[in-house]
Amino acid sequence: MNTIKTFIIVPTYNEADNLDDLITQILGLPEPVGVIVVDDNSPDGTGDLADAWTVKQPDRVHVIHRPGKMGLGTAYIAGFKKALHEVGADRIMTMDADFSHNPSYIPAMIALSSQKHVVIGSRYVPGGGSLHCAWKRVMLSRISNGVVHFLLGLKAKDATAGFRLYRREVLESIPLDEIFSSGYSFLVEMLFMCQRRGWQIGEVPIIFEDRRKGTTKISRNEVIKGQLTVLRLFVRRLRGREPRQAAMPVTE
């Protein structure tokens, strides 16, 4: 039985320049953590690099190979299911493969998970921020957060962040197969459902750094889909379609 109880899901598409360094840093942390790579048939050989890690670290690195680009949300769901049902994780994290999320923040996020059900690596709490990011991207993030705070009532300062930790009971409470969003808007929908179900959400300050190598995956189409997702969730909120529960205590 796997003794590692924290697994980090890393969706990849053409991340061969980053993957080896990222996994090396993650496995070198003082916290015993594992990695689940979800690769969408990267033409640059990212999946092959991930397979090599499963040979070197079979208990700590796992790979899911998918036939092609199927969306960030479905990659996370595939990783969630593997973490929950195959490797027995108690804490499941998500992060980008491009070093915009620095692995050095992982121990602090794990530590806060003893007090919160969901932990966000946040740009918008004291001590957080962005580095080397184009002003257009910063403005898009700020505006997106303002909109979801106003329309959806989300309380987290960084509601669009993909650097997150979920405790096992959180993911088990959410009907993952019913989540409509498949792109970056998946992050907003997940947080909406977590908050509505009463799970306590905390934030750890991070410095978000623009990717070091490769190209960004955010497209205009993703922005449009994100806007539609927020409107759809706003209607659900008005209609009371999403269950609303009181805040639940954190138990070990």
C-alpha atoms as a PDB file:
ATOM      1  CA  MET A   1       0.000   0.000   0.000  1.00  0.00           C
ATOM      2  CA  ASN A   2       1.283   3.466  -0.898  1.00  0.00           C
ATOM      3  CA  THR A   3       2.499   5.333   2.191  1.00  0.00           C
ATOM      4  CA  ILE A   4       2.603   8.691   0.406  1.00  0.00           C
ATOM      5  CA  LYS A   5      -0.622  10.564   1.115  1.00  0.00           C
ATOM      6  CA  THR A   6      -0.120  13.775  -0.877  1.00  0.00           C
ATOM      7  CA  PHE A   7      -0.126  13.596  -4.663  1.00  0.00           C
ATOM      8  CA  ILE A   8       0.271  16.488  -7.063  1.00  0.00           C
ATOM      9  CA  ILE A   9      -1.550  16.395 -10.397  1.00  0.00           C
ATOM     10  CA  VAL A  10       0.428  18.008 -13.218  1.00  0.00           C
ATOM     11  CA  PRO A  11      -1.397  18.267 -16.575  1.00  0.00           C
ATOM     12  CA  THR A  12       1.065  18.477 -19.472  1.00  0.00           C
ATOM     13  CA  TYR A  13       1.132  19.275 -23.139  1.00  0.00           C
ATOM     14  CA  ASN A  14       4.567  19.961 -24.666  1.00  0.00           C
ATOM     15  CA  GLU A  15       6.326  20.487 -21.341  1.00  0.00           C
ATOM     16  CA  ALA A  16       9.493  18.490 -22.088  1.00  0.00           C
ATOM     17  CA  ASP A  17      11.634  21.552 -21.276  1.00  0.00           C
ATOM     18  CA  ASN A  18      10.197  21.745 -17.759  1.00  0.00           C
ATOM     19  CA  LEU A  19       9.092  18.302 -16.613  1.00  0.00           C
ATOM     20  CA  ASP A  20      12.366  16.775 -15.423  1.00  0.00           C
ATOM     21  CA  ASP A  21      13.318  19.842 -13.395  1.00  0.00           C
ATOM     22  CA  LEU A  22       9.833  20.101 -11.934  1.00  0.00           C
ATOM     23  CA  ILE A  23       9.610  16.491 -10.788  1.00  0.00           C
ATOM     24  CA  THR A  24      13.156  16.639  -9.408  1.00  0.00           C
ATOM     25  CA  GLN A  25      12.238  19.641  -7.267  1.00  0.00           C
ATOM     26  CA  ILE A  26       8.941  18.159  -6.106  1.00  0.00           C
ATOM     27  CA  LEU A  27      10.484  14.854  -5.052  1.00  0.00           C
ATOM     28  CA  GLY A  28      13.306  16.744  -3.335  1.00  0.00           C
ATOM     29  CA  LEU A  29      10.949  18.552  -0.961  1.00  0.00           C
ATOM     30  CA  PRO A  30      11.096  17.725   2.761  1.00  0.00           C
ATOM     31  CA  GLU A  31       7.451  16.616   2.550  1.00  0.00           C
ATOM     32  CA  PRO A  32       6.863  13.086   1.166  1.00  0.00           C
ATOM     33  CA  VAL A  33       4.801  13.799  -1.942  1.00  0.00           C
ATOM     34  CA  GLY A  34       4.103  12.037  -5.215  1.00  0.00           C
ATOM     35  CA  VAL A  35       3.262  13.205  -8.724  1.00  0.00           C
ATOM     36  CA  ILE A  36       0.560  12.220 -11.198  1.00  0.00           C
ATOM     37  CA  VAL A  37       1.375  13.459 -14.694  1.00  0.00           C
ATOM     38  CA  VAL A  38      -1.602  13.695 -17.050  1.00  0.00           C
ATOM     39  CA  ASP A  39      -0.163  13.994 -20.538  1.00  0.00           C
ATOM     40  CA  ASP A  40      -2.264  14.778 -23.599  1.00  0.00           C
ATOM     41  CA  ASN A  41      -0.093  12.956 -26.136  1.00  0.00           C
ATOM     42  CA  SER A  42       2.535  15.719 -26.260  1.00  0.00           C
ATOM     43  CA  PRO A  43       4.392  15.724 -29.605  1.00  0.00           C
ATOM     44  CA  ASP A  44       7.592  16.845 -27.868  1.00  0.00           C
ATOM     45  CA  GLY A  45       7.961  13.606 -25.867  1.00  0.00           C
ATOM     46  CA  THR A  46       6.757  14.850 -22.483  1.00  0.00           C
ATOM     47  CA  GLY A  47       4.899  11.567 -21.945  1.00  0.00           C
ATOM     48  CA  ASP A  48       8.070   9.544 -22.549  1.00  0.00           C
ATOM     49  CA  LEU A  49       9.945  11.623 -19.975  1.00  0.00           C
ATOM     50  CA  ALA A  50       7.166  10.992 -17.473  1.00  0.00           C
ATOM     51  CA  ASP A  51       7.311   7.245 -18.177  1.00  0.00           C
ATOM     52  CA  ALA A  52      11.031   7.274 -17.400  1.00  0.00           C
ATOM     53  CA  TRP A  53      10.247   8.698 -13.978  1.00  0.00           C
ATOM     54  CA  THR A  54       7.800   5.876 -13.248  1.00  0.00           C
ATOM     55  CA  VAL A  55      10.672   3.441 -13.734  1.00  0.00           C
ATOM     56  CA  LYS A  56      12.964   5.374 -11.378  1.00  0.00           C
ATOM     57  CA  GLN A  57      10.258   6.205  -8.801  1.00  0.00           C
ATOM     58  CA  PRO A  58       7.393   3.725  -9.259  1.00  0.00           C
ATOM     59  CA  ASP A  59       5.760   4.547  -5.905  1.00  0.00           C
ATOM     60  CA  ARG A  60       5.996   8.318  -6.276  1.00  0.00           C
ATOM     61  CA  VAL A  61       5.399   9.058  -9.961  1.00  0.00           C
ATOM     62  CA  HIS A  62       2.403   7.915 -11.996  1.00  0.00           C
ATOM     63  CA  VAL A  63       1.367   8.806 -15.529  1.00  0.00           C
ATOM     64  CA  ILE A  64      -1.956   8.998 -17.311  1.00  0.00           C
ATOM     65  CA  HIS A  65      -1.670   9.040 -21.097  1.00  0.00           C
ATOM     66  CA  ARG A  66      -4.543  10.562 -23.041  1.00  0.00           C
ATOM     67  CA  PRO A  67      -4.988  10.455 -26.826  1.00  0.00           C
ATOM     68  CA  GLY A  68      -4.906  14.215 -27.356  1.00  0.00           C
ATOM     69  CA  LYS A  69      -5.765  17.642 -25.944  1.00  0.00           C
ATOM     70  CA  MET A  70      -9.019  17.184 -24.047  1.00  0.00           C
ATOM     71  CA  GLY A  71      -9.055  20.215 -21.759  1.00  0.00           C
ATOM     72  CA  LEU A  72      -7.566  21.164 -18.414  1.00  0.00           C
ATOM     73  CA  GLY A  73     -10.669  20.251 -16.439  1.00  0.00           C
ATOM     74  CA  THR A  74     -10.877  16.700 -17.738  1.00  0.00           C
ATOM     75  CA  ALA A  75      -7.145  16.283 -17.050  1.00  0.00           C
ATOM     76  CA  TYR A  76      -7.694  17.255 -13.436  1.00  0.00           C
ATOM     77  CA  ILE A  77     -10.664  14.900 -13.120  1.00  0.00           C
ATOM     78  CA  ALA A  78      -8.609  12.006 -14.515  1.00  0.00           C
ATOM     79  CA  GLY A  79      -5.909  12.808 -11.981  1.00  0.00           C
ATOM     80  CA  PHE A  80      -8.409  13.145  -9.133  1.00  0.00           C
ATOM     81  CA  LYS A  81      -9.843   9.714  -9.841  1.00  0.00           C
ATOM     82  CA  LYS A  82      -6.440   8.084  -9.948  1.00  0.00           C
ATOM     83  CA  ALA A  83      -5.386   9.814  -6.722  1.00  0.00           C
ATOM     84  CA  LEU A  84      -8.578   8.832  -4.912  1.00  0.00           C
ATOM     85  CA  HIS A  85      -9.147   5.301  -6.163  1.00  0.00           C
ATOM     86  CA  GLU A  86      -5.748   3.932  -7.164  1.00  0.00           C
ATOM     87  CA  VAL A  87      -3.048   5.511  -5.007  1.00  0.00           C
ATOM     88  CA  GLY A  88      -5.126   6.288  -1.903  1.00  0.00           C
ATOM     89  CA  ALA A  89      -4.208   9.949  -1.525  1.00  0.00           C
ATOM     90  CA  ASP A  90      -5.551  11.966   1.403  1.00  0.00           C
ATOM     91  CA  ARG A  91      -4.438  15.297  -0.060  1.00  0.00           C
ATOM     92  CA  ILE A  92      -4.592  16.028  -3.774  1.00  0.00           C
ATOM     93  CA  MET A  93      -2.872  19.064  -5.246  1.00  0.00           C
ATOM     94  CA  THR A  94      -2.950  20.663  -8.689  1.00  0.00           C
ATOM     95  CA  MET A  95      -0.259  22.810 -10.245  1.00  0.00           C
ATOM     96  CA  ASP A  96       1.075  23.922 -13.605  1.00  0.00           C
ATOM     97  CA  ALA A  97       4.111  22.306 -15.193  1.00  0.00           C
ATOM     98  CA  ASP A  98       5.728  25.562 -16.297  1.00  0.00           C
ATOM     99  CA  PHE A  99       7.131  26.760 -12.923  1.00  0.00           C
ATOM    100  CA  SER A 100       4.593  29.563 -12.652  1.00  0.00           C
ATOM    101  CA  HIS A 101       3.758  27.659  -9.462  1.00  0.00           C
ATOM    102  CA  ASN A 102       6.984  27.196  -7.515  1.00  0.00           C
ATOM    103  CA  PRO A 103       7.241  23.819  -5.746  1.00  0.00           C
ATOM    104  CA  SER A 104       8.816  25.549  -2.735  1.00  0.00           C
ATOM    105  CA  TYR A 105       5.321  26.647  -1.608  1.00  0.00           C
ATOM    106  CA  ILE A 106       4.005  23.090  -1.370  1.00  0.00           C
ATOM    107  CA  PRO A 107       5.056  22.429   2.274  1.00  0.00           C
ATOM    108  CA  ALA A 108       3.234  25.569   3.474  1.00  0.00           C
ATOM    109  CA  MET A 109       0.089  24.533   1.618  1.00  0.00           C
ATOM    110  CA  ILE A 110       0.234  21.058   3.132  1.00  0.00           C
ATOM    111  CA  ALA A 111       0.698  22.559   6.595  1.00  0.00           C
ATOM    112  CA  LEU A 112      -2.398  24.754   6.236  1.00  0.00           C
ATOM    113  CA  SER A 113      -4.455  21.742   5.128  1.00  0.00           C
ATOM    114  CA  SER A 114      -4.574  20.665   8.778  1.00  0.00           C
ATOM    115  CA  GLN A 115      -6.815  23.716   9.333  1.00  0.00           C
ATOM    116  CA  LYS A 116      -8.552  24.148   5.964  1.00  0.00           C
ATOM    117  CA  HIS A 117     -10.230  21.733   3.562  1.00  0.00           C
ATOM    118  CA  VAL A 118      -9.035  23.575   0.453  1.00  0.00           C
ATOM    119  CA  VAL A 119      -5.798  25.542   0.236  1.00  0.00           C
ATOM    120  CA  ILE A 120      -5.036  27.984  -2.576  1.00  0.00           C
ATOM    121  CA  GLY A 121      -1.603  29.243  -3.587  1.00  0.00           C
ATOM    122  CA  SER A 122      -2.699  32.862  -3.812  1.00  0.00           C
ATOM    123  CA  ARG A 123      -1.372  35.934  -5.604  1.00  0.00           C
ATOM    124  CA  TYR A 124      -3.803  38.268  -3.894  1.00  0.00           C
ATOM    125  CA  VAL A 125      -3.249  37.860  -0.159  1.00  0.00           C
ATOM    126  CA  PRO A 126      -0.555  39.825   1.713  1.00  0.00           C
ATOM    127  CA  GLY A 127       2.852  38.527   0.639  1.00  0.00           C
ATOM    128  CA  GLY A 128       1.601  37.261  -2.728  1.00  0.00           C
ATOM    129  CA  GLY A 129       2.101  38.741  -6.165  1.00  0.00           C
ATOM    130  CA  SER A 130       3.112  38.216  -9.782  1.00  0.00           C
ATOM    131  CA  LEU A 131       6.506  38.351 -11.467  1.00  0.00           C
ATOM    132  CA  HIS A 132       7.421  38.897 -15.135  1.00  0.00           C
ATOM    133  CA  CYS A 133       3.754  38.762 -16.170  1.00  0.00           C
ATOM    134  CA  ALA A 134       2.451  40.934 -19.006  1.00  0.00           C
ATOM    135  CA  TRP A 135       0.110  43.668 -17.801  1.00  0.00           C
ATOM    136  CA  LYS A 136      -2.700  42.275 -19.958  1.00  0.00           C
ATOM    137  CA  ARG A 137      -2.510  38.929 -18.151  1.00  0.00           C
ATOM    138  CA  VAL A 138      -2.457  40.616 -14.742  1.00  0.00           C
ATOM    139  CA  MET A 139      -5.476  42.736 -15.670  1.00  0.00           C
ATOM    140  CA  LEU A 140      -7.347  39.696 -17.008  1.00  0.00           C
ATOM    141  CA  SER A 141      -6.742  37.881 -13.730  1.00  0.00           C
ATOM    142  CA  ARG A 142      -7.793  40.861 -11.623  1.00  0.00           C
ATOM    143  CA  ILE A 143     -10.963  41.434 -13.636  1.00  0.00           C
ATOM    144  CA  SER A 144     -11.846  37.730 -13.620  1.00  0.00           C
ATOM    145  CA  ASN A 145     -11.495  37.567  -9.861  1.00  0.00           C
ATOM    146  CA  GLY A 146     -13.626  40.679  -9.408  1.00  0.00           C
ATOM    147  CA  VAL A 147     -16.380  39.240 -11.577  1.00  0.00           C
ATOM    148  CA  VAL A 148     -16.537  35.874  -9.793  1.00  0.00           C
ATOM    149  CA  HIS A 149     -16.501  37.571  -6.405  1.00  0.00           C
ATOM    150  CA  PHE A 150     -19.450  39.761  -7.408  1.00  0.00           C
ATOM    151  CA  LEU A 151     -21.555  37.279  -9.386  1.00  0.00           C
ATOM    152  CA  LEU A 152     -20.788  34.029  -7.585  1.00  0.00           C
ATOM    153  CA  GLY A 153     -20.028  35.269  -4.091  1.00  0.00           C
ATOM    154  CA  LEU A 154     -16.676  33.509  -3.963  1.00  0.00           C
ATOM    155  CA  LYS A 155     -14.678  34.576  -0.923  1.00  0.00           C
ATOM    156  CA  ALA A 156     -11.171  33.458  -1.844  1.00  0.00           C
ATOM    157  CA  LYS A 157      -8.982  36.358  -2.941  1.00  0.00           C
ATOM    158  CA  ASP A 158      -7.479  34.297  -5.783  1.00  0.00           C
ATOM    159  CA  ALA A 159     -10.470  32.406  -7.088  1.00  0.00           C
ATOM    160  CA  THR A 160      -8.931  31.606 -10.480  1.00  0.00           C
ATOM    161  CA  ALA A 161      -5.683  30.080  -9.214  1.00  0.00           C
ATOM    162  CA  GLY A 162      -4.751  26.583 -10.366  1.00  0.00           C
ATOM    163  CA  PHE A 163      -2.273  25.974  -7.534  1.00  0.00           C
ATOM    164  CA  ARG A 164      -4.510  24.218  -5.029  1.00  0.00           C
ATOM    165  CA  LEU A 165      -4.750  21.489  -2.441  1.00  0.00           C
ATOM    166  CA  TYR A 166      -7.964  19.570  -1.806  1.00  0.00           C
ATOM    167  CA  ARG A 167      -8.471  17.217   1.071  1.00  0.00           C
ATOM    168  CA  ARG A 168      -9.862  13.850   0.080  1.00  0.00           C
ATOM    169  CA  GLU A 169     -13.313  14.417   1.603  1.00  0.00           C
ATOM    170  CA  VAL A 170     -13.760  17.539  -0.522  1.00  0.00           C
ATOM    171  CA  LEU A 171     -13.324  15.742  -3.832  1.00  0.00           C
ATOM    172  CA  GLU A 172     -15.456  12.829  -2.654  1.00  0.00           C
ATOM    173  CA  SER A 173     -18.343  15.262  -2.035  1.00  0.00           C
ATOM    174  CA  ILE A 174     -18.322  16.674  -5.567  1.00  0.00           C
ATOM    175  CA  PRO A 175     -19.928  14.910  -8.556  1.00  0.00           C
ATOM    176  CA  LEU A 176     -16.833  15.159 -10.735  1.00  0.00           C
ATOM    177  CA  ASP A 177     -18.468  13.572 -13.771  1.00  0.00           C
ATOM    178  CA  GLU A 178     -21.167  16.249 -13.764  1.00  0.00           C
ATOM    179  CA  ILE A 179     -18.778  19.205 -14.022  1.00  0.00           C
ATOM    180  CA  PHE A 180     -19.504  20.941 -17.290  1.00  0.00           C
ATOM    181  CA  SER A 181     -16.365  23.064 -17.625  1.00  0.00           C
ATOM    182  CA  SER A 182     -13.358  21.555 -19.349  1.00  0.00           C
ATOM    183  CA  GLY A 183     -10.883  24.444 -19.625  1.00  0.00           C
ATOM    184  CA  TYR A 184      -9.508  26.945 -17.133  1.00  0.00           C
ATOM    185  CA  SER A 185     -13.072  27.820 -16.123  1.00  0.00           C
ATOM    186  CA  PHE A 186     -13.066  24.421 -14.407  1.00  0.00           C
ATOM    187  CA  LEU A 187     -11.123  26.087 -11.590  1.00  0.00           C
ATOM    188  CA  VAL A 188     -13.923  28.558 -10.926  1.00  0.00           C
ATOM    189  CA  GLU A 189     -16.589  25.859 -11.017  1.00  0.00           C
ATOM    190  CA  MET A 190     -14.651  23.672  -8.577  1.00  0.00           C
ATOM    191  CA  LEU A 191     -14.211  26.524  -6.101  1.00  0.00           C
ATOM    192  CA  PHE A 192     -17.887  27.455  -6.433  1.00  0.00           C
ATOM    193  CA  MET A 193     -18.935  23.916  -5.506  1.00  0.00           C
ATOM    194  CA  CYS A 194     -16.403  23.682  -2.672  1.00  0.00           C
ATOM    195  CA  GLN A 195     -17.634  26.895  -1.062  1.00  0.00           C
ATOM    196  CA  ARG A 196     -21.318  26.045  -1.502  1.00  0.00           C
ATOM    197  CA  ARG A 197     -20.743  22.698   0.222  1.00  0.00           C
ATOM    198  CA  GLY A 198     -19.324  24.398   3.310  1.00  0.00           C
ATOM    199  CA  TRP A 199     -15.705  23.373   2.911  1.00  0.00           C
ATOM    200  CA  GLN A 200     -13.319  25.790   4.581  1.00  0.00           C
ATOM    201  CA  ILE A 201     -10.941  27.497   2.172  1.00  0.00           C
ATOM    202  CA  GLY A 202      -7.567  29.024   3.057  1.00  0.00           C
ATOM    203  CA  GLU A 203      -4.875  30.805   1.083  1.00  0.00           C
ATOM    204  CA  VAL A 204      -1.078  30.752   1.188  1.00  0.00           C
ATOM    205  CA  PRO A 205       0.743  33.705  -0.400  1.00  0.00           C
ATOM    206  CA  ILE A 206       2.791  32.863  -3.483  1.00  0.00           C
ATOM    207  CA  ILE A 207       4.651  34.776  -6.153  1.00  0.00           C
ATOM    208  CA  PHE A 208       3.208  33.697  -9.481  1.00  0.00           C
ATOM    209  CA  GLU A 209       5.966  33.771 -12.087  1.00  0.00           C
ATOM    210  CA  ASP A 210       5.303  33.798 -15.820  1.00  0.00           C
ATOM    211  CA  ARG A 211       6.448  30.567 -17.460  1.00  0.00           C
ATOM    212  CA  ARG A 212      10.198  30.199 -17.918  1.00  0.00           C
ATOM    213  CA  LYS A 213      10.106  27.990 -21.010  1.00  0.00           C
ATOM    214  CA  GLY A 214       7.528  27.159 -23.673  1.00  0.00           C
ATOM    215  CA  THR A 215       4.384  29.062 -24.591  1.00  0.00           C
ATOM    216  CA  THR A 216       1.256  29.931 -22.651  1.00  0.00           C
ATOM    217  CA  LYS A 217      -1.803  27.697 -23.079  1.00  0.00           C
ATOM    218  CA  ILE A 218      -4.422  30.431 -22.438  1.00  0.00           C
ATOM    219  CA  SER A 219      -6.310  31.325 -25.611  1.00  0.00           C
ATOM    220  CA  ARG A 220      -9.093  33.759 -26.458  1.00  0.00           C
ATOM    221  CA  ASN A 221     -11.429  30.771 -26.685  1.00  0.00           C
ATOM    222  CA  GLU A 222     -10.578  29.873 -23.077  1.00  0.00           C
ATOM    223  CA  VAL A 223     -11.453  33.408 -21.981  1.00  0.00           C
ATOM    224  CA  ILE A 224     -14.832  33.214 -23.722  1.00  0.00           C
ATOM    225  CA  LYS A 225     -15.585  29.814 -22.202  1.00  0.00           C
ATOM    226  CA  GLY A 226     -14.671  31.195 -18.808  1.00  0.00           C
ATOM    227  CA  GLN A 227     -17.176  34.038 -19.177  1.00  0.00           C
ATOM    228  CA  LEU A 228     -19.921  31.613 -20.180  1.00  0.00           C
ATOM    229  CA  THR A 229     -19.127  29.378 -17.209  1.00  0.00           C
ATOM    230  CA  VAL A 230     -19.453  32.284 -14.777  1.00  0.00           C
ATOM    231  CA  LEU A 231     -22.820  33.247 -16.257  1.00  0.00           C
ATOM    232  CA  ARG A 232     -24.043  29.653 -16.060  1.00  0.00           C
ATOM    233  CA  LEU A 233     -22.977  29.356 -12.419  1.00  0.00           C
ATOM    234  CA  PHE A 234     -24.574  32.726 -11.627  1.00  0.00           C
ATOM    235  CA  VAL A 235     -27.910  31.414 -12.919  1.00  0.00           C
ATOM    236  CA  ARG A 236     -27.487  28.263 -10.821  1.00  0.00           C
ATOM    237  CA  ARG A 237     -26.800  30.440  -7.796  1.00  0.00           C
ATOM    238  CA  LEU A 238     -29.927  32.554  -8.383  1.00  0.00           C
ATOM    239  CA  ARG A 239     -32.093  29.471  -8.876  1.00  0.00           C
ATOM    240  CA  GLY A 240     -30.686  27.742  -5.805  1.00  0.00           C
ATOM    241  CA  ARG A 241     -29.709  24.763  -7.931  1.00  0.00           C
ATOM    242  CA  GLU A 242     -26.412  24.261  -6.092  1.00  0.00           C
ATOM    243  CA  PRO A 243     -26.709  22.854  -2.557  1.00  0.00           C
ATOM    244  CA  ARG A 244     -25.769  25.315   0.164  1.00  0.00           C
ATOM    245  CA  GLN A 245     -24.380  23.954   3.408  1.00  0.00           C
ATOM    246  CA  ALA A 246     -23.032  25.580   6.544  1.00  0.00           C
ATOM    247  CA  ALA A 247     -19.285  25.704   7.104  1.00  0.00           C
ATOM    248  CA  MET A 248     -17.980  22.370   8.315  1.00  0.00           C
ATOM    249  CA  PRO A 249     -15.207  21.854  10.865  1.00  0.00           C
ATOM    250  CA  VAL A 250     -11.854  20.464   9.869  1.00  0.00           C
ATOM    251  CA  THR A 251     -11.178  17.054  11.365  1.00  0.00           C
ATOM    252  CA  GLU A 252      -8.073  14.897  11.058  1.00  0.00           C
END
